[in-house]
């Protein structure tokens, strides 16, 4: 079971993180490690691979109602491209996207 939820938004663009029950994780040592590093490796890869993250998005369903659901790879890619628009990183790779979104969300907890 994943330890964190990251909610993404390609339109704003942003990524925010919380615990699986919605708890604040700004003082979580693993998230602080992600925030402390100058880049997204290796702390964010540890969170991705060992602790687990569920990526979610609030979007309209076919009925036009908003729902909080699992994000697709395309939505994760669009969010990364919107956040890191000047980057030459290949965001078609899901692991790369996940790592960068974890890093972005960890930075947001420190603001």
Protein backbone atom coordinates (compact mmCIF):
# COMPACT_ATOMS: atom_id res chain seq x y z
CA UNK A 1 0.00 0.00 0.00
CA UNK A 2 1.36 3.43 -0.91
CA UNK A 3 2.42 5.76 1.88
CA UNK A 4 1.63 9.06 0.11
CA UNK A 5 -0.88 10.68 -2.22
CA UNK A 6 0.24 13.28 -4.73
CA UNK A 7 -2.54 15.28 -6.30
CA UNK A 8 -1.58 16.78 -9.64
CA UNK A 9 -3.02 19.52 -11.81
CA UNK A 10 -1.67 20.12 -15.31
CA UNK A 11 -3.77 23.27 -15.68
CA UNK A 12 -2.50 25.17 -12.63
CA UNK A 13 0.30 23.51 -12.83
CA UNK A 14 1.12 21.95 -9.48
CA UNK A 15 1.69 18.81 -7.46
CA UNK A 16 0.86 18.53 -3.75
CA UNK A 17 1.50 15.69 -1.32
CA UNK A 18 -0.16 14.30 1.79
CA UNK A 19 -0.33 11.04 3.69
CA UNK A 20 -2.84 8.36 2.67
CA UNK A 21 -5.32 9.72 5.20
CA UNK A 22 -4.77 13.34 4.16
CA UNK A 23 -2.29 14.13 6.93
CA UNK A 24 0.38 16.83 6.60
CA UNK A 25 3.75 15.36 5.63
CA UNK A 26 5.85 18.53 5.62
CA UNK A 27 7.90 17.26 8.58
CA UNK A 28 8.12 13.65 7.34
CA UNK A 29 11.86 12.79 7.19
CA UNK A 30 11.59 11.14 3.77
CA UNK A 31 9.79 14.15 2.27
CA UNK A 32 12.27 16.49 3.95
CA UNK A 33 15.08 14.49 2.29
CA UNK A 34 13.46 15.07 -1.11
CA UNK A 35 13.17 18.77 -0.37
CA UNK A 36 16.75 19.08 0.90
CA UNK A 37 18.41 17.67 -2.20
CA UNK A 38 19.50 19.82 -5.09
CA UNK A 39 17.86 17.42 -7.52
CA UNK A 40 15.22 14.72 -7.54
CA UNK A 41 17.56 11.75 -7.03
CA UNK A 42 18.06 9.56 -5.00
CA UNK A 43 15.70 10.60 -2.18
CA UNK A 44 12.65 10.96 -4.42
CA UNK A 45 13.42 7.65 -6.13
CA UNK A 46 13.46 6.01 -2.69
CA UNK A 47 10.01 7.46 -1.96
CA UNK A 48 8.79 6.29 -5.38
CA UNK A 49 10.25 2.78 -5.26
CA UNK A 50 10.25 1.84 -1.58
CA UNK A 51 7.49 3.84 0.13
CA UNK A 52 4.98 4.22 -2.68
CA UNK A 53 2.94 7.08 -4.06
CA UNK A 54 -0.57 7.15 -5.47
CA UNK A 55 -0.98 9.89 -8.09
CA UNK A 56 -4.44 11.43 -8.17
CA UNK A 57 -6.21 14.18 -10.08
CA UNK A 58 -9.48 16.04 -9.64
CA UNK A 59 -11.12 16.06 -13.06
CA UNK A 60 -14.53 16.05 -14.69
CA UNK A 61 -16.00 12.67 -15.51
CA UNK A 62 -18.21 11.89 -18.52
CA UNK A 63 -21.24 13.23 -16.61
CA UNK A 64 -19.50 16.58 -16.13
CA UNK A 65 -19.08 16.07 -12.38
CA UNK A 66 -15.75 16.49 -10.64
CA UNK A 67 -14.17 13.37 -9.20
CA UNK A 68 -10.93 12.57 -7.44
CA UNK A 69 -9.43 9.61 -9.28
CA UNK A 70 -6.13 7.99 -10.16
CA UNK A 71 -4.14 10.07 -12.64
CA UNK A 72 -3.29 8.60 -16.02
CA UNK A 73 0.25 8.50 -17.39
CA UNK A 74 -0.76 11.19 -19.92
CA UNK A 75 -2.02 13.47 -17.11
CA UNK A 76 1.20 12.94 -15.17
CA UNK A 77 3.23 13.73 -18.30
CA UNK A 78 1.17 16.88 -19.01
CA UNK A 79 1.68 18.07 -15.43
CA UNK A 80 5.45 17.53 -15.60
CA UNK A 81 5.66 19.32 -18.93
CA UNK A 82 3.65 22.25 -17.54
CA UNK A 83 5.76 22.52 -14.37
CA UNK A 84 9.13 21.94 -16.03
CA UNK A 85 8.34 23.59 -19.37
CA UNK A 86 11.96 24.59 -19.97
CA UNK A 87 13.33 21.12 -19.25
CA UNK A 88 14.59 18.78 -21.93
CA UNK A 89 13.73 15.76 -19.77
CA UNK A 90 11.78 12.95 -21.44
CA UNK A 91 8.55 12.88 -19.46
CA UNK A 92 7.10 10.04 -21.52
CA UNK A 93 8.82 7.70 -19.04
CA UNK A 94 6.44 7.09 -16.10
CA UNK A 95 9.21 6.61 -13.51
CA UNK A 96 10.84 9.88 -14.55
CA UNK A 97 7.49 11.66 -14.29
CA UNK A 98 6.81 10.16 -10.87
CA UNK A 99 10.23 11.18 -9.57
CA UNK A 100 9.87 14.77 -10.76
CA UNK A 101 6.31 15.03 -9.37
CA UNK A 102 7.49 13.75 -5.98
CA UNK A 103 10.25 16.34 -6.01
CA UNK A 104 7.87 19.15 -6.96
CA UNK A 105 5.33 18.13 -4.31
CA UNK A 106 8.02 17.91 -1.62
CA UNK A 107 9.17 21.44 -2.50
CA UNK A 108 5.59 22.68 -2.12
CA UNK A 109 5.42 21.33 1.45
CA UNK A 110 8.33 23.57 2.45
CA UNK A 111 6.70 26.80 1.27
